[in-house]
Amino acid sequence: MTNIPFATDGSIPRYLLLMNVKMLVATVVACCFLTPQAHADEGTFDSNGVKIRYSIEGEGEPVVLVHGWMGDSSMWGRDKTGNTKLNPIEGFQAIALDCRGHGKSDKPHEKEKYGAEMAEDIVRLLDHLKIKKAHLIGYSMGTFLVARVAATHPDRVLSLIYGGQAPLISGPAWTDANEVTVFAKAVADGKGLGPYIQEVMPADKKPTLDQANAYAKIMFGNKDVQAFAAAGLSFRDLRVSKDDLKKCDVPTLFIHGANDPSRDRIASVQKQLGRGEVKIVAGGDHMTTLTKPEFGSTIVEFLRAHKSKKF
């Protein structure tokens, strides 16, 4: 999850705030969905020819959890071996999917298999589980995806939580985030992912190219980097119009860290939409916000406050 300053032209500028190198080696605890004792049941389904894996735990009102770029469902809770573990709050059912190209889901290499199809996977997951409506929680890239669902399938949404990011609003121009471009080029060149590591590291901590290549080999050695690149290059297809998004008139929460580099962009989009509660987590940046007790407690409070009377 790297940095993203606000762009006024509808593009995602440099530092996309999706999944930085530290997140690939860190264990993130979303405290409202994880305890060591909880165990998530797993399942798979066919989503337009792509196998999607998901974890599900609990009974009650469904809550779909959507992770960030280069992550997987274990972002919401994992055991010591890295498997997904969920602990839904009472009265809710937690459902966490591995987005296509990630985790244990299929990993096509064609960019055309991503973008809007990643959002449709969420809708097809609801269909597979025979769920009419659900609360949607996205973090980073996950925010782009749940916003796309809200804009295209507003009747399937009970509430929205945008974590660490804001929806991608259609604009007059588009430029891929620099680190996505660098990552995709490094994958295509096949000479190591060192250039990507150098791109996302702070200026005062940049390793040499040889060091960066060695670091990348450890981090990405067992990852399908072609799938990651294809997914990253497809984000432009997740843009939505303000008008379409406004049609999804459900309770909405924007939550991010006080030190998250995307905070200005989030504030701008929230203002454009003219709706949504805002929670700023003190002391949190894009990554550490997930580990703050306030992050989990805010989500719990929001879900309980907007629980449907039908459940």
Protein backbone atom coordinates (compact mmCIF):
# COMPACT_ATOMS: atom_id res chain seq x y z
CA MET A 1 0.00 0.00 0.00
CA THR A 2 1.93 2.92 -1.26
CA ASN A 3 1.12 6.62 -1.41
CA ILE A 4 -1.47 8.40 -3.57
CA PRO A 5 -1.80 12.16 -3.66
CA PHE A 6 -5.05 13.57 -5.01
CA ALA A 7 -5.38 13.97 -8.77
CA THR A 8 -8.01 16.21 -10.28
CA ASP A 9 -8.05 14.60 -13.72
CA GLY A 10 -9.64 11.30 -12.68
CA SER A 11 -6.37 9.39 -12.83
CA ILE A 12 -4.58 7.43 -10.17
CA PRO A 13 -1.28 9.28 -9.82
CA ARG A 14 1.97 8.03 -8.39
CA TYR A 15 1.78 5.90 -5.23
CA LEU A 16 -1.46 4.00 -5.62
CA LEU A 17 -2.11 3.08 -1.99
CA LEU A 18 -2.90 -0.49 -2.84
CA MET A 19 -0.44 -3.00 -1.47
CA ASN A 20 3.11 -2.02 -0.64
CA VAL A 21 6.04 -4.30 -0.10
CA LYS A 22 5.67 -4.25 3.67
CA MET A 23 2.14 -5.62 3.49
CA LEU A 24 3.42 -8.71 1.71
CA VAL A 25 5.45 -9.71 4.75
CA ALA A 26 3.32 -8.26 7.54
CA THR A 27 0.45 -9.91 9.38
CA VAL A 28 -2.47 -7.51 9.48
CA VAL A 29 -5.17 -7.90 12.11
CA ALA A 30 -8.61 -6.47 11.43
CA CYS A 31 -9.60 -6.98 15.03
CA CYS A 32 -13.33 -7.25 14.55
CA PHE A 33 -12.96 -10.36 12.39
CA LEU A 34 -10.02 -12.30 13.86
CA THR A 35 -9.34 -14.37 16.93
CA PRO A 36 -6.95 -17.31 17.22
CA GLN A 37 -9.85 -19.69 17.93
CA ALA A 38 -11.97 -18.82 14.92
CA HIS A 39 -11.84 -20.91 11.78
CA ALA A 40 -13.31 -19.98 8.44
CA ASP A 41 -14.95 -22.55 6.19
CA GLU A 42 -13.71 -22.39 2.62
CA GLY A 43 -15.47 -22.76 -0.69
CA THR A 44 -15.06 -22.03 -4.38
CA PHE A 45 -17.37 -21.15 -7.25
CA ASP A 46 -17.12 -20.50 -10.96
CA SER A 47 -17.25 -16.82 -11.86
CA ASN A 48 -17.54 -16.57 -15.62
CA GLY A 49 -14.90 -19.25 -16.09
CA VAL A 50 -12.62 -18.17 -13.24
CA LYS A 51 -12.51 -20.11 -9.97
CA ILE A 52 -12.98 -17.81 -6.99
CA ARG A 53 -12.11 -18.98 -3.49
CA TYR A 54 -13.79 -17.56 -0.40
CA SER A 55 -13.94 -18.07 3.35
CA ILE A 56 -17.13 -17.80 5.39
CA GLU A 57 -17.86 -17.86 9.09
CA GLY A 58 -20.80 -17.03 11.35
CA GLU A 59 -24.54 -16.60 10.96
CA GLY A 60 -26.61 -13.50 10.40
CA GLU A 61 -26.42 -10.45 8.21
CA PRO A 62 -23.75 -10.96 5.52
CA VAL A 63 -20.62 -8.81 5.44
CA VAL A 64 -18.32 -9.18 2.43
CA LEU A 65 -14.66 -8.28 3.02
CA VAL A 66 -12.53 -7.28 0.03
CA HIS A 67 -8.74 -7.04 0.26
CA GLY A 68 -6.12 -4.92 -1.52
CA TRP A 69 -3.80 -5.43 -4.46
CA MET A 70 -1.30 -8.28 -4.00
CA GLY A 71 -3.12 -9.33 -0.84
CA ASP A 72 -5.72 -12.02 -0.17
CA SER A 73 -8.51 -12.84 2.23
CA SER A 74 -6.06 -13.51 5.06
CA MET A 75 -5.68 -9.73 5.31
CA TRP A 76 -8.81 -9.92 7.47
CA GLY A 77 -7.32 -12.53 9.79
CA ARG A 78 -4.87 -15.39 9.53
CA ASP A 79 -3.46 -18.24 11.55
CA LYS A 80 0.21 -19.04 12.06
CA THR A 81 0.37 -20.89 8.75
CA GLY A 82 -1.13 -18.00 6.81
CA ASN A 83 -4.59 -19.49 6.28
CA THR A 84 -7.60 -17.22 6.58
CA LYS A 85 -9.35 -17.11 9.96
CA LEU A 86 -12.43 -15.01 10.57
CA ASN A 87 -14.33 -14.10 13.71
CA PRO A 88 -17.54 -12.31 12.79
CA ILE A 89 -19.30 -10.20 15.37
CA GLU A 90 -22.51 -11.62 16.79
CA GLY A 91 -25.41 -11.37 14.40
CA PHE A 92 -23.26 -11.10 11.28
CA GLN A 93 -21.75 -13.52 8.81
CA ALA A 94 -18.24 -12.70 7.57
CA ILE A 95 -17.38 -13.59 3.98
CA ALA A 96 -13.89 -12.90 2.64
CA LEU A 97 -12.94 -13.69 -0.94
CA ASP A 98 -9.62 -13.98 -2.70
CA CYS A 99 -9.99 -11.60 -5.62
CA ARG A 100 -9.15 -13.14 -8.98
CA GLY A 101 -5.41 -13.09 -9.55
CA HIS A 102 -4.81 -13.34 -5.79
CA GLY A 103 -4.63 -15.94 -3.04
CA LYS A 104 -6.17 -19.29 -3.91
CA SER A 105 -8.39 -17.99 -6.71
CA ASP A 106 -7.55 -18.51 -10.39
CA LYS A 107 -4.99 -16.17 -11.88
CA PRO A 108 -5.55 -15.31 -15.53
CA HIS A 109 -2.83 -13.22 -17.15
CA GLU A 110 -5.00 -11.19 -19.54
CA LYS A 111 -5.81 -7.67 -18.38
CA GLU A 112 -9.27 -8.02 -19.91
CA LYS A 113 -10.09 -10.70 -17.31
CA TYR A 114 -9.79 -8.13 -14.50
CA GLY A 115 -11.20 -4.64 -14.03
CA ALA A 116 -14.98 -4.74 -13.93
CA GLU A 117 -14.90 -8.53 -13.76
CA MET A 118 -13.30 -8.29 -10.31
CA ALA A 119 -16.34 -6.38 -9.07
CA GLU A 120 -18.69 -8.81 -10.77
CA ASP A 121 -16.99 -11.62 -8.83
CA ILE A 122 -18.43 -10.08 -5.67
CA VAL A 123 -21.94 -10.06 -7.13
CA ARG A 124 -21.55 -13.64 -8.36
CA LEU A 125 -20.35 -14.64 -4.90
CA LEU A 126 -23.59 -13.27 -3.47
CA ASP A 127 -25.51 -15.19 -6.13
CA HIS A 128 -23.59 -18.37 -5.34
CA LEU A 129 -24.41 -18.04 -1.64
CA LYS A 130 -28.01 -17.05 -2.43
CA ILE A 131 -27.58 -13.70 -0.68
CA LYS A 132 -29.78 -10.85 -1.89
CA LYS A 133 -27.95 -8.01 -0.13
CA ALA A 134 -24.82 -7.58 1.95
CA HIS A 135 -22.71 -5.02 3.74
CA LEU A 136 -19.57 -4.41 1.68
CA ILE A 137 -16.21 -3.54 3.24
CA GLY A 138 -13.21 -2.81 1.05
CA TYR A 139 -9.72 -1.74 1.92
CA SER A 140 -7.46 -0.03 -0.62
CA MET A 141 -8.12 -1.79 -3.96
CA GLY A 142 -11.07 -3.36 -2.21
CA THR A 143 -12.63 0.08 -1.96
CA PHE A 144 -12.47 0.46 -5.74
CA LEU A 145 -14.22 -2.89 -6.12
CA VAL A 146 -17.06 -2.39 -3.64
CA ALA A 147 -17.68 1.08 -5.08
CA ARG A 148 -18.02 -0.47 -8.53
CA VAL A 149 -20.56 -2.94 -7.14
CA ALA A 150 -22.46 -0.09 -5.48
CA ALA A 151 -22.61 1.86 -8.75
CA THR A 152 -23.61 -1.07 -10.95
CA HIS A 153 -25.67 -3.19 -8.55
CA PRO A 154 -27.06 -0.80 -5.93
CA ASP A 155 -29.86 -3.23 -5.08
CA ARG A 156 -27.32 -5.72 -3.67
CA VAL A 157 -25.85 -3.39 -1.05
CA LEU A 158 -26.91 -2.87 2.58
CA SER A 159 -24.08 -0.52 3.52
CA LEU A 160 -20.62 0.51 2.35
CA ILE A 161 -17.32 0.91 4.16
CA TYR A 162 -14.47 2.46 2.21
CA GLY A 163 -11.20 1.72 3.99
CA GLY A 164 -7.99 3.60 3.22
CA GLN A 165 -9.23 4.79 -0.15
CA ALA A 166 -12.16 6.28 -2.03
CA PRO A 167 -14.07 5.22 -5.15
CA LEU A 168 -12.46 5.89 -8.52
CA ILE A 169 -14.60 8.65 -9.99
CA SER A 170 -14.70 8.95 -13.77
CA GLY A 171 -12.71 11.87 -15.11
CA PRO A 172 -11.58 13.34 -18.43
CA ALA A 173 -8.20 11.64 -18.41
CA TRP A 174 -6.45 8.61 -16.97
CA THR A 175 -2.87 7.75 -16.08
CA ASP A 176 -1.90 4.44 -14.53
CA ALA A 177 -0.20 4.74 -11.16
CA ASN A 178 3.54 4.89 -11.61
CA GLU A 179 4.27 1.89 -9.41
CA VAL A 180 1.73 -0.21 -11.34
CA THR A 181 3.46 0.77 -14.58
CA VAL A 182 6.90 0.03 -13.11
CA PHE A 183 5.73 -3.29 -11.71
CA ALA A 184 4.13 -4.37 -15.00
CA LYS A 185 7.20 -3.35 -17.00
CA ALA A 186 9.52 -5.22 -14.65
CA VAL A 187 7.34 -8.33 -14.98
CA ALA A 188 7.32 -8.04 -18.77
CA ASP A 189 11.09 -7.49 -18.94
CA GLY A 190 11.71 -10.61 -16.86
CA LYS A 191 14.91 -9.25 -15.34
CA GLY A 192 13.73 -9.06 -11.75
CA LEU A 193 11.37 -6.87 -9.79
CA GLY A 194 14.07 -4.71 -8.28
CA PRO A 195 12.88 -1.58 -10.12
CA TYR A 196 9.48 -1.95 -8.46
CA ILE A 197 11.02 -2.29 -5.00
CA GLN A 198 13.09 0.82 -5.64
CA GLU A 199 9.97 2.67 -6.80
CA VAL A 200 7.91 2.02 -3.67
CA MET A 201 10.65 2.46 -1.09
CA PRO A 202 11.17 5.88 0.54
CA ALA A 203 13.85 8.00 -1.09
CA ASP A 204 16.13 7.79 1.94
CA LYS A 205 15.88 4.00 2.12
CA LYS A 206 16.19 2.95 -1.50
CA PRO A 207 18.31 -0.20 -1.92
CA THR A 208 20.67 -0.76 -4.80
CA LEU A 209 19.23 -2.56 -7.80
CA ASP A 210 20.99 -5.80 -6.83
CA GLN A 211 19.66 -5.53 -3.29
CA ALA A 212 16.18 -4.74 -4.55
CA ASN A 213 16.19 -7.70 -6.93
CA ALA A 214 17.26 -10.01 -4.10
CA TYR A 215 14.54 -8.63 -1.83
CA ALA A 216 11.92 -8.98 -4.58
CA LYS A 217 12.95 -12.59 -5.23
CA ILE A 218 12.24 -13.44 -1.60
CA MET A 219 8.94 -11.58 -1.52
CA PHE A 220 7.54 -12.56 -4.91
CA GLY A 221 9.23 -15.92 -5.40
CA ASN A 222 6.01 -17.92 -5.09
CA LYS A 223 3.63 -15.23 -6.37
CA ASP A 224 2.02 -15.03 -9.79
CA VAL A 225 3.37 -11.62 -10.68
CA GLN A 226 1.87 -11.68 -14.16
CA ALA A 227 -1.58 -11.87 -12.58
CA PHE A 228 -0.75 -9.01 -10.21
CA ALA A 229 0.39 -6.90 -13.16
CA ALA A 230 -2.73 -7.63 -15.17
CA ALA A 231 -4.95 -6.74 -12.21
CA GLY A 232 -3.09 -3.50 -11.54
CA LEU A 233 -3.28 -2.38 -15.14
CA SER A 234 -7.04 -2.89 -15.16
CA PHE A 235 -7.94 -0.41 -12.42
CA ARG A 236 -9.02 2.19 -14.97
CA ASP A 237 -11.98 -0.09 -15.70
CA LEU A 238 -13.19 0.30 -12.11
CA ARG A 239 -14.08 3.97 -12.54
CA VAL A 240 -17.67 4.93 -11.81
CA SER A 241 -19.71 8.08 -12.30
CA LYS A 242 -20.80 10.17 -9.34
CA ASP A 243 -24.39 9.93 -10.50
CA ASP A 244 -24.35 6.13 -10.62
CA LEU A 245 -22.70 5.91 -7.22
CA LYS A 246 -25.22 8.30 -5.71
CA LYS A 247 -28.00 5.92 -6.76
CA CYS A 248 -26.76 3.53 -4.09
CA ASP A 249 -28.32 5.43 -1.21
CA VAL A 250 -27.12 3.31 1.71
CA PRO A 251 -25.25 4.09 4.93
CA THR A 252 -21.64 4.78 4.03
CA LEU A 253 -18.44 5.10 6.06
CA PHE A 254 -15.06 6.43 4.95
CA ILE A 255 -12.36 5.28 7.37
CA HIS A 256 -8.66 6.00 7.09
CA GLY A 257 -5.61 6.86 9.14
CA ALA A 258 -4.74 10.42 10.06
CA ASN A 259 -1.39 9.94 8.33
CA ASP A 260 -2.70 8.10 5.28
CA PRO A 261 -1.29 9.82 2.18
CA SER A 262 -4.68 9.33 0.47
CA ARG A 263 -6.52 11.45 3.05
CA ASP A 264 -6.91 14.49 0.78
CA ARG A 265 -8.26 12.40 -2.07
CA ILE A 266 -10.70 10.63 0.25
CA ALA A 267 -11.95 13.95 1.60
CA SER A 268 -12.41 15.29 -1.91
CA VAL A 269 -14.39 12.28 -3.13
CA GLN A 270 -16.54 12.25 0.00
CA LYS A 271 -17.31 15.92 -0.59
CA GLN A 272 -18.16 15.27 -4.25
CA LEU A 273 -20.58 12.52 -3.28
CA GLY A 274 -22.07 14.63 -0.51
CA ARG A 275 -22.66 11.69 1.79
CA GLY A 276 -20.99 9.30 4.17
CA GLU A 277 -19.68 9.32 7.70
CA VAL A 278 -15.94 9.93 8.09
CA LYS A 279 -13.71 8.35 10.70
CA ILE A 280 -10.06 9.33 10.93
CA VAL A 281 -7.96 6.91 12.97
CA ALA A 282 -5.41 8.79 15.04
CA GLY A 283 -1.79 7.83 14.42
CA GLY A 284 -2.58 5.48 11.56
CA ASP A 285 -1.06 5.45 8.10
CA HIS A 286 -2.30 3.39 5.17
CA MET A 287 -0.97 0.15 6.59
CA THR A 288 -0.96 0.55 10.38
CA THR A 289 -4.56 1.78 10.51
CA LEU A 290 -5.64 -1.85 10.10
CA THR A 291 -3.92 -2.77 13.35
CA LYS A 292 -5.49 0.01 15.43
CA PRO A 293 -8.27 -1.09 17.83
CA GLU A 294 -10.22 1.99 16.75
CA PHE A 295 -10.41 0.66 13.20
CA GLY A 296 -12.16 -2.51 14.26
CA SER A 297 -14.38 -0.92 16.89
CA THR A 298 -15.57 1.73 14.43
CA ILE A 299 -16.56 -0.92 11.92
CA VAL A 300 -18.38 -2.93 14.59
CA GLU A 301 -20.27 0.15 15.75
CA PHE A 302 -21.18 1.12 12.18
CA LEU A 303 -22.45 -2.36 11.28
CA ARG A 304 -24.53 -2.66 14.43
CA ALA A 305 -26.01 0.78 13.90
CA HIS A 306 -27.09 -0.13 10.37
CA LYS A 307 -28.16 -3.72 10.84
CA SER A 308 -31.20 -4.51 8.78
CA LYS A 309 -34.40 -5.26 10.68
CA LYS A 310 -35.00 -8.18 8.33
CA PHE A 311 -32.19 -10.20 9.95
